[in-house]
Amino acid sequence: MTPAARSGLALLVTLLAGCSHGSTQATKTPTYVTLAPAFTGPAVPALTATGIVMAKDEMRLSFKVGGVIRELTVNPGERVKQGQVLAQIEPGEIDAQVEQARQLADKAARDLGRGESLHADQVISLEQLQNLRTQAEVARAQLRAAQFNRGYAAIVASRDAVVLRRLAEPRELVPAGQPVLVLGAEDRGYVVRSGLSDRDVVSLKRGDAVDVRLDAWPDAVLTARVTEIAGAADERSGLFQVEAQIDRAAGDRSPQPVTGMVARLTLHPGAREGGTLVYVPIGAVLNADGGKASLYVDTGGIAKRRDVDVAFISPDGVALRGGLAAGESIVVAGAAYLDDGDAIRTP
C-alpha cells in the first residue's frame, strides 16, 4: 500500500470513529419528561352515579276532611314557621257536622237522665236503661270525632320548613287525604337519592364517603355519607335506592343545596375501613394488557421500565396491586419516547 493510501485509510478510520462517538453522545442526551409520585388510595374502586337533591324530611300535607279550599297562604319557595296556618277549607259544612253531633249528644244525655229516673221508679227495665247509656256514649264519641275533624280543617306547619310544591288552589274541591302542600323540613338537612345496580350496591355500606358535585356549582365539592341502602330493588327500574346525607356544619359557606338539583356522585366503598392501594396517573401506564402493564420509574435521572399489576382504573387514577411503592417517582408525560435506561430530566 502506498503512503498516500495508508494516509487516506487512517483519515477514514478517524472520521468513522468520530461519527460513532457523536452517535453515542446523541443517545445519551436526556429526555425531558414530567414526573409525579405514586400515591395511595382506596382499595375498592369508586362508583359514579347521578342523583337528585331532596330534603331529608318531606311532608305531604292534606286536610283530614274533604271540602272546598277557602285559602292557601303560601307559595312554592317560601319559608314557613312552626305553627303557621298554611291552608283552610270552608268551615260551614264541618261546623254543621260538629253542631249536629253536639245536639245528638245533648239529646242522648237528656234521654239517659229520664231513663235513670224511670228505672229508679221501676218503670223501665235495666236492659232499656243500659241501651240508653250506650246511646249516650255513642253520641259523645261522635261529638269527639266531629270536633277532632274540625281541628284538622286547617293545615298548620308542624316545624320550620320550605314550601316545595303547591298541589291545589283556592276554591278547589279536594277529598279527604289528598295532598295540598309539600314541605321540606330544614332542620334535618338535605340528602341525595340515587339508584345503583346490584353489582355496585353490594360494595357499599352505611357510613361510606361520598363526594357530591352539583350541576349548578360544578366547581364545588360537597361531602356526604351513605345513610340508607334499600333492601330491595325498585320494581320499575331494577335499581337499588341509596341515600347520602350531605354534611353541613354550622356556619358552612359552601353552596346551599335546593330540592330538585341534579348531583353527580362519587361513592367510595370501604374507605372507612382503611384498605389502600398504590395509585398512579393514567398517563404513566404503558402497554396495558388485562391486569398487566408497565411504566417508567425515575432512579436518579435514569428511566427504568417496570412491570406492574393493575387492580382497576378509577377517576383518581390507575390502582396497582403490586410492583410499585407509594412515593416512588414515575414518568407521567413523555414515557412514550423512552427506552429502558434512558437518561431523563424535568423541564
Protein backbone atom coordinates (compact mmCIF):
# COMPACT_ATOMS: atom_id res chain seq x y z
CA MET A 1 0.00 0.00 0.00
CA THR A 2 1.36 3.35 -0.94
CA PRO A 3 1.95 6.08 1.67
CA ALA A 4 -0.93 8.12 0.21
CA ALA A 5 -3.33 5.18 0.51
CA ARG A 6 -2.27 4.49 4.08
CA SER A 7 -2.85 8.17 4.92
CA GLY A 8 -6.34 8.12 3.38
CA LEU A 9 -7.26 4.93 5.24
CA ALA A 10 -6.18 6.45 8.54
CA LEU A 11 -8.27 9.55 7.88
CA LEU A 12 -11.33 7.41 7.10
CA VAL A 13 -10.95 5.41 10.32
CA THR A 14 -10.63 8.65 12.28
CA LEU A 15 -13.83 10.07 10.71
CA LEU A 16 -15.78 6.88 11.34
CA ALA A 17 -14.66 6.84 14.95
CA GLY A 18 -15.75 10.45 15.32
CA CYS A 19 -19.17 9.72 13.85
CA SER A 20 -19.61 6.72 16.16
CA HIS A 21 -18.63 8.80 19.17
CA GLY A 22 -21.08 11.55 18.19
CA SER A 23 -23.90 9.00 17.77
CA THR A 24 -23.21 7.59 21.25
CA GLN A 25 -23.29 11.07 22.70
CA ALA A 26 -26.65 11.75 20.97
CA THR A 27 -28.30 8.68 22.51
CA LYS A 28 -27.22 9.80 25.96
CA THR A 29 -28.90 13.20 25.68
CA PRO A 30 -31.51 13.31 28.50
CA THR A 31 -35.19 13.26 27.50
CA TYR A 32 -37.44 15.87 29.04
CA VAL A 33 -40.29 14.26 30.99
CA THR A 34 -42.81 15.09 33.69
CA LEU A 35 -42.53 13.23 36.98
CA ALA A 36 -45.05 12.63 39.77
CA PRO A 37 -45.00 10.48 42.91
CA ALA A 38 -47.13 7.37 43.24
CA PHE A 39 -49.80 7.85 45.90
CA THR A 40 -52.17 5.76 47.98
CA GLY A 41 -55.91 5.49 47.53
CA PRO A 42 -58.87 3.29 48.49
CA ALA A 43 -58.58 -0.42 47.82
CA VAL A 44 -62.07 -0.54 46.25
CA PRO A 45 -62.85 1.40 43.06
CA ALA A 46 -65.00 4.49 43.40
CA LEU A 47 -68.53 4.37 41.99
CA THR A 48 -70.12 7.14 39.98
CA ALA A 49 -73.83 7.89 39.81
CA THR A 50 -76.35 10.65 39.22
CA GLY A 51 -78.83 11.65 41.89
CA ILE A 52 -81.39 14.23 42.93
CA VAL A 53 -81.10 16.51 45.97
CA MET A 54 -84.04 16.32 48.37
CA ALA A 55 -84.87 17.49 51.86
CA LYS A 56 -84.29 14.70 54.35
CA ASP A 57 -87.85 15.04 55.61
CA GLU A 58 -90.56 15.82 53.09
CA MET A 59 -94.10 16.31 54.40
CA ARG A 60 -97.15 15.87 52.17
CA LEU A 61 -99.88 17.80 53.96
CA SER A 62 -103.62 17.32 53.45
CA PHE A 63 -106.94 18.01 55.15
CA LYS A 64 -108.48 15.41 57.44
CA VAL A 65 -111.88 16.05 55.85
CA GLY A 66 -112.90 16.89 52.33
CA GLY A 67 -114.25 20.26 51.30
CA VAL A 68 -113.73 23.44 49.32
CA ILE A 69 -110.42 25.19 49.96
CA ARG A 70 -111.04 28.59 51.48
CA GLU A 71 -107.47 29.89 51.30
CA LEU A 72 -103.87 28.93 50.66
CA THR A 73 -101.50 31.42 52.24
CA VAL A 74 -98.13 30.19 50.92
CA ASN A 75 -96.38 29.66 47.60
CA PRO A 76 -93.51 27.38 46.50
CA GLY A 77 -90.13 28.53 47.74
CA GLU A 78 -91.47 30.35 50.80
CA ARG A 79 -90.16 29.53 54.25
CA VAL A 80 -92.75 28.85 56.93
CA LYS A 81 -92.55 28.76 60.71
CA GLN A 82 -93.80 26.12 63.10
CA GLY A 83 -97.46 26.76 63.97
CA GLN A 84 -98.15 28.92 60.92
CA VAL A 85 -101.55 28.34 59.26
CA LEU A 86 -100.93 27.39 55.64
CA ALA A 87 -104.38 26.49 54.29
CA GLN A 88 -108.01 26.21 55.37
CA ILE A 89 -111.20 24.71 53.98
CA GLU A 90 -114.63 26.37 54.14
CA PRO A 91 -115.78 25.76 57.74
CA GLY A 92 -119.56 25.78 57.10
CA GLU A 93 -120.03 22.07 56.49
CA ILE A 94 -117.69 20.84 59.20
CA ASP A 95 -119.17 23.34 61.70
CA ALA A 96 -122.62 21.97 60.90
CA GLN A 97 -121.39 18.44 61.49
CA VAL A 98 -119.98 19.44 64.86
CA GLU A 99 -123.23 21.16 65.84
CA GLN A 100 -125.29 18.18 64.75
CA ALA A 101 -123.11 15.84 66.83
CA ARG A 102 -123.41 18.17 69.81
CA GLN A 103 -127.22 18.26 69.63
CA LEU A 104 -127.40 14.47 69.35
CA ALA A 105 -125.09 14.11 72.35
CA ASP A 106 -127.22 16.54 74.40
CA LYS A 107 -130.42 14.65 73.47
CA ALA A 108 -128.83 11.32 74.39
CA ALA A 109 -127.77 12.80 77.73
CA ARG A 110 -131.32 14.01 78.42
CA ASP A 111 -132.80 10.64 77.46
CA LEU A 112 -130.35 8.94 79.79
CA GLY A 113 -131.33 11.24 82.64
CA ARG A 114 -135.02 10.43 82.20
CA GLY A 115 -134.21 6.77 81.89
CA GLU A 116 -132.32 6.81 85.20
CA SER A 117 -135.41 8.29 86.92
CA LEU A 118 -137.79 5.86 85.25
CA HIS A 119 -135.60 2.91 86.19
CA ALA A 120 -135.48 4.10 89.77
CA ASP A 121 -139.30 4.08 89.73
CA GLN A 122 -139.22 0.63 88.15
CA VAL A 123 -140.98 1.90 85.03
CA ILE A 124 -138.32 0.65 82.59
CA SER A 125 -136.11 -2.39 82.77
CA LEU A 126 -132.37 -2.46 83.38
CA GLU A 127 -131.84 -3.52 79.77
CA GLN A 128 -133.62 -0.41 78.50
CA LEU A 129 -131.51 1.77 80.82
CA GLN A 130 -128.32 0.13 79.54
CA ASN A 131 -129.39 0.83 75.96
CA LEU A 132 -129.86 4.49 76.83
CA ARG A 133 -126.39 4.58 78.37
CA THR A 134 -124.91 3.05 75.22
CA GLN A 135 -126.69 5.59 73.02
CA ALA A 136 -125.36 8.45 75.13
CA GLU A 137 -121.81 7.12 74.97
CA VAL A 138 -122.02 6.67 71.18
CA ALA A 139 -123.31 10.24 70.79
CA ARG A 140 -120.47 11.61 72.91
CA ALA A 141 -117.95 9.64 70.79
CA GLN A 142 -119.45 11.06 67.59
CA LEU A 143 -119.14 14.57 69.00
CA ARG A 144 -115.47 13.99 69.84
CA ALA A 145 -114.83 12.70 66.31
CA ALA A 146 -116.52 15.73 64.74
CA GLN A 147 -114.53 18.09 66.96
CA PHE A 148 -111.32 16.24 66.08
CA ASN A 149 -112.05 16.59 62.37
CA ARG A 150 -112.83 20.27 62.89
CA GLY A 151 -109.34 20.70 64.29
CA TYR A 152 -107.88 19.35 61.03
CA ALA A 153 -109.90 21.57 58.71
CA ALA A 154 -106.76 23.74 58.56
CA ILE A 155 -103.20 22.82 57.63
CA VAL A 156 -100.65 24.05 60.14
CA ALA A 157 -96.86 23.80 59.81
CA SER A 158 -95.53 21.33 62.36
CA ARG A 159 -91.95 22.66 62.06
CA ASP A 160 -89.86 25.24 60.23
CA ALA A 161 -89.76 24.27 56.57
CA VAL A 162 -89.71 25.35 52.92
CA VAL A 163 -92.72 25.01 50.65
CA LEU A 164 -91.64 22.68 47.85
CA ARG A 165 -94.88 22.22 45.92
CA ARG A 166 -98.42 23.58 45.94
CA LEU A 167 -100.82 20.95 44.61
CA ALA A 168 -104.16 22.73 44.82
CA GLU A 169 -105.70 26.19 44.55
CA PRO A 170 -108.36 28.17 46.47
CA ARG A 171 -112.00 27.28 45.73
CA GLU A 172 -110.90 23.83 44.59
CA LEU A 173 -112.82 20.86 45.99
CA VAL A 174 -110.45 18.31 47.50
CA PRO A 175 -111.28 14.96 49.08
CA ALA A 176 -110.02 13.97 52.50
CA GLY A 177 -106.36 12.96 52.47
CA GLN A 178 -105.45 14.44 49.08
CA PRO A 179 -102.07 16.25 49.37
CA VAL A 180 -102.37 20.00 49.09
CA LEU A 181 -98.86 21.16 50.04
CA VAL A 182 -95.44 19.50 50.13
CA LEU A 183 -92.96 20.90 52.65
CA GLY A 184 -89.28 20.18 53.14
CA ALA A 185 -88.08 20.42 56.74
CA GLU A 186 -84.78 22.29 57.06
CA ASP A 187 -83.69 21.10 60.50
CA ARG A 188 -82.51 17.69 59.24
CA GLY A 189 -80.68 18.97 56.17
CA TYR A 190 -80.56 17.59 52.64
CA VAL A 191 -79.84 14.21 51.10
CA VAL A 192 -79.04 12.93 47.63
CA ARG A 193 -81.01 9.92 46.40
CA SER A 194 -79.70 7.77 43.57
CA GLY A 195 -80.28 4.34 42.05
CA LEU A 196 -77.44 1.79 41.80
CA SER A 197 -77.22 -1.61 40.15
CA ASP A 198 -76.92 -4.76 42.25
CA ARG A 199 -73.27 -5.14 41.20
CA ASP A 200 -72.42 -1.73 42.63
CA VAL A 201 -74.67 -1.60 45.67
CA VAL A 202 -73.23 -4.76 47.26
CA SER A 203 -69.90 -3.00 47.82
CA LEU A 204 -71.47 -0.10 49.75
CA LYS A 205 -72.03 0.21 53.48
CA ARG A 206 -73.62 2.84 55.65
CA GLY A 207 -71.09 5.50 56.51
CA ASP A 208 -69.13 5.24 53.25
CA ALA A 209 -67.87 8.60 51.98
CA VAL A 210 -69.49 10.36 49.02
CA ASP A 211 -68.34 13.38 47.01
CA VAL A 212 -71.23 15.44 45.67
CA ARG A 213 -70.94 17.82 42.73
CA LEU A 214 -73.98 19.88 41.80
CA ASP A 215 -74.59 20.89 38.20
CA ALA A 216 -75.48 24.35 39.50
CA TRP A 217 -71.98 24.73 41.05
CA PRO A 218 -69.70 22.31 39.16
CA ASP A 219 -66.53 23.55 40.87
CA ALA A 220 -67.81 22.97 44.42
CA VAL A 221 -67.49 19.55 46.06
CA LEU A 222 -69.80 18.76 48.98
CA THR A 223 -69.03 15.88 51.32
CA ALA A 224 -71.67 13.33 52.25
CA ARG A 225 -72.02 9.86 53.75
CA VAL A 226 -74.24 6.92 52.90
CA THR A 227 -77.12 6.76 55.38
CA GLU A 228 -79.64 4.40 53.75
CA ILE A 229 -79.38 1.46 51.34
CA ALA A 230 -82.57 -0.14 50.07
CA GLY A 231 -83.12 -3.78 50.96
CA ALA A 232 -84.90 -4.47 47.66
CA ALA A 233 -84.72 -3.17 44.11
CA ASP A 234 -87.29 -0.83 42.68
CA GLU A 235 -89.83 -2.88 40.70
CA ARG A 236 -89.86 -0.46 37.77
CA SER A 237 -86.17 0.36 37.33
CA GLY A 238 -84.50 -2.67 38.91
CA LEU A 239 -82.13 -0.32 40.77
CA PHE A 240 -81.45 -0.10 44.49
CA GLN A 241 -82.22 3.24 46.13
CA VAL A 242 -79.25 4.74 48.01
CA GLU A 243 -79.43 7.86 50.15
CA ALA A 244 -76.45 10.02 51.17
CA GLN A 245 -76.71 12.74 53.82
CA ILE A 246 -74.92 15.96 52.83
CA ASP A 247 -72.63 17.22 55.60
CA ARG A 248 -73.21 20.85 56.55
CA ALA A 249 -71.64 22.18 59.72
CA ALA A 250 -72.79 25.35 61.43
CA GLY A 251 -71.52 28.39 59.55
CA ASP A 252 -70.75 26.35 56.43
CA ARG A 253 -70.43 28.75 53.48
CA SER A 254 -70.45 26.13 50.75
CA PRO A 255 -73.36 26.31 48.25
CA GLN A 256 -76.77 25.66 49.78
CA PRO A 257 -78.46 22.65 48.14
CA VAL A 258 -82.03 23.01 46.94
CA THR A 259 -84.57 20.24 46.43
CA GLY A 260 -84.59 19.05 42.83
CA MET A 261 -80.98 19.89 41.97
CA VAL A 262 -79.09 17.33 39.88
CA ALA A 263 -75.99 15.91 41.59
CA ARG A 264 -73.03 13.89 40.32
CA LEU A 265 -71.90 11.39 42.95
CA THR A 266 -68.56 9.72 43.52
CA LEU A 267 -69.03 7.00 46.13
CA HIS A 268 -66.05 5.47 47.93
CA PRO A 269 -66.94 1.94 49.11
CA GLY A 270 -64.93 0.71 52.08
CA ALA A 271 -63.00 3.96 52.53
CA ARG A 272 -63.78 3.98 56.25
CA GLU A 273 -62.14 0.55 56.69
CA GLY A 274 -58.68 1.83 55.78
CA GLY A 275 -57.73 -0.53 52.93
CA THR A 276 -55.41 1.16 50.40
CA LEU A 277 -53.58 0.53 47.13
CA VAL A 278 -50.89 2.43 45.25
CA TYR A 279 -52.22 4.75 42.54
CA VAL A 280 -50.54 6.35 39.53
CA PRO A 281 -51.94 8.81 36.95
CA ILE A 282 -53.37 7.06 33.92
CA GLY A 283 -50.83 8.79 31.64
CA ALA A 284 -47.99 6.90 33.32
CA VAL A 285 -49.21 3.44 32.27
CA LEU A 286 -47.87 1.81 29.09
CA ASN A 287 -48.75 -1.38 27.25
CA ALA A 288 -51.70 -2.31 29.44
CA ASP A 289 -52.96 -5.82 28.75
CA GLY A 290 -55.59 -7.18 31.10
CA GLY A 291 -54.16 -6.92 34.59
CA LYS A 292 -50.59 -6.30 33.38
CA ALA A 293 -48.92 -3.02 32.40
CA SER A 294 -45.58 -1.22 32.55
CA LEU A 295 -44.31 2.22 33.44
CA TYR A 296 -41.03 4.09 33.92
CA VAL A 297 -39.60 4.83 37.35
CA ASP A 298 -37.07 7.61 37.93
CA THR A 299 -33.93 6.14 39.51
CA GLY A 300 -31.61 9.09 39.94
CA GLY A 301 -32.14 10.57 36.49
CA ILE A 302 -32.39 7.22 34.70
CA ALA A 303 -35.73 5.83 33.49
CA LYS A 304 -36.16 2.20 34.47
CA ARG A 305 -39.00 0.24 32.92
CA ARG A 306 -41.02 -1.73 35.46
CA ASP A 307 -43.88 -4.19 35.13
CA VAL A 308 -46.86 -3.66 37.45
CA ASP A 309 -50.16 -5.39 38.24
CA VAL A 310 -53.28 -3.31 37.57
CA ALA A 311 -56.18 -3.67 40.01
CA PHE A 312 -58.66 -1.25 38.42
CA ILE A 313 -58.99 2.17 36.82
CA SER A 314 -60.89 4.93 38.64
CA PRO A 315 -61.37 8.68 38.20
CA ASP A 316 -58.45 9.16 40.60
CA GLY A 317 -56.01 7.12 38.51
CA VAL A 318 -54.84 3.55 38.00
CA ALA A 319 -54.76 1.38 41.13
CA LEU A 320 -51.94 -1.16 41.31
CA ARG A 321 -51.85 -4.44 43.23
CA GLY A 322 -48.07 -4.64 43.17
CA GLY A 323 -44.83 -3.64 41.53
CA LEU A 324 -44.61 -0.09 42.88
CA ALA A 325 -44.39 1.59 46.26
CA ALA A 326 -46.11 4.81 47.26
CA GLY A 327 -43.82 7.80 46.94
CA GLU A 328 -41.70 6.45 44.07
CA SER A 329 -41.21 8.99 41.28
CA ILE A 330 -42.70 7.90 37.96
CA VAL A 331 -42.83 9.35 34.45
CA VAL A 332 -46.32 10.65 33.72
CA ALA A 333 -45.60 12.53 30.48
CA GLY A 334 -43.01 11.64 27.85
CA ALA A 335 -42.89 7.92 28.63
CA ALA A 336 -43.76 7.03 25.03
CA TYR A 337 -40.39 8.42 23.90
CA LEU A 338 -38.26 6.46 26.37
CA ASP A 339 -36.35 3.22 26.33
CA ASP A 340 -35.25 1.32 29.39
CA GLY A 341 -32.15 3.00 30.84
CA ASP A 342 -32.55 6.37 29.08
CA ALA A 343 -31.41 9.49 30.88
CA ILE A 344 -34.25 11.86 31.80
CA ARG A 345 -34.64 15.34 33.12
CA THR A 346 -37.58 17.61 34.02
CA PRO A 347 -38.18 20.98 32.37
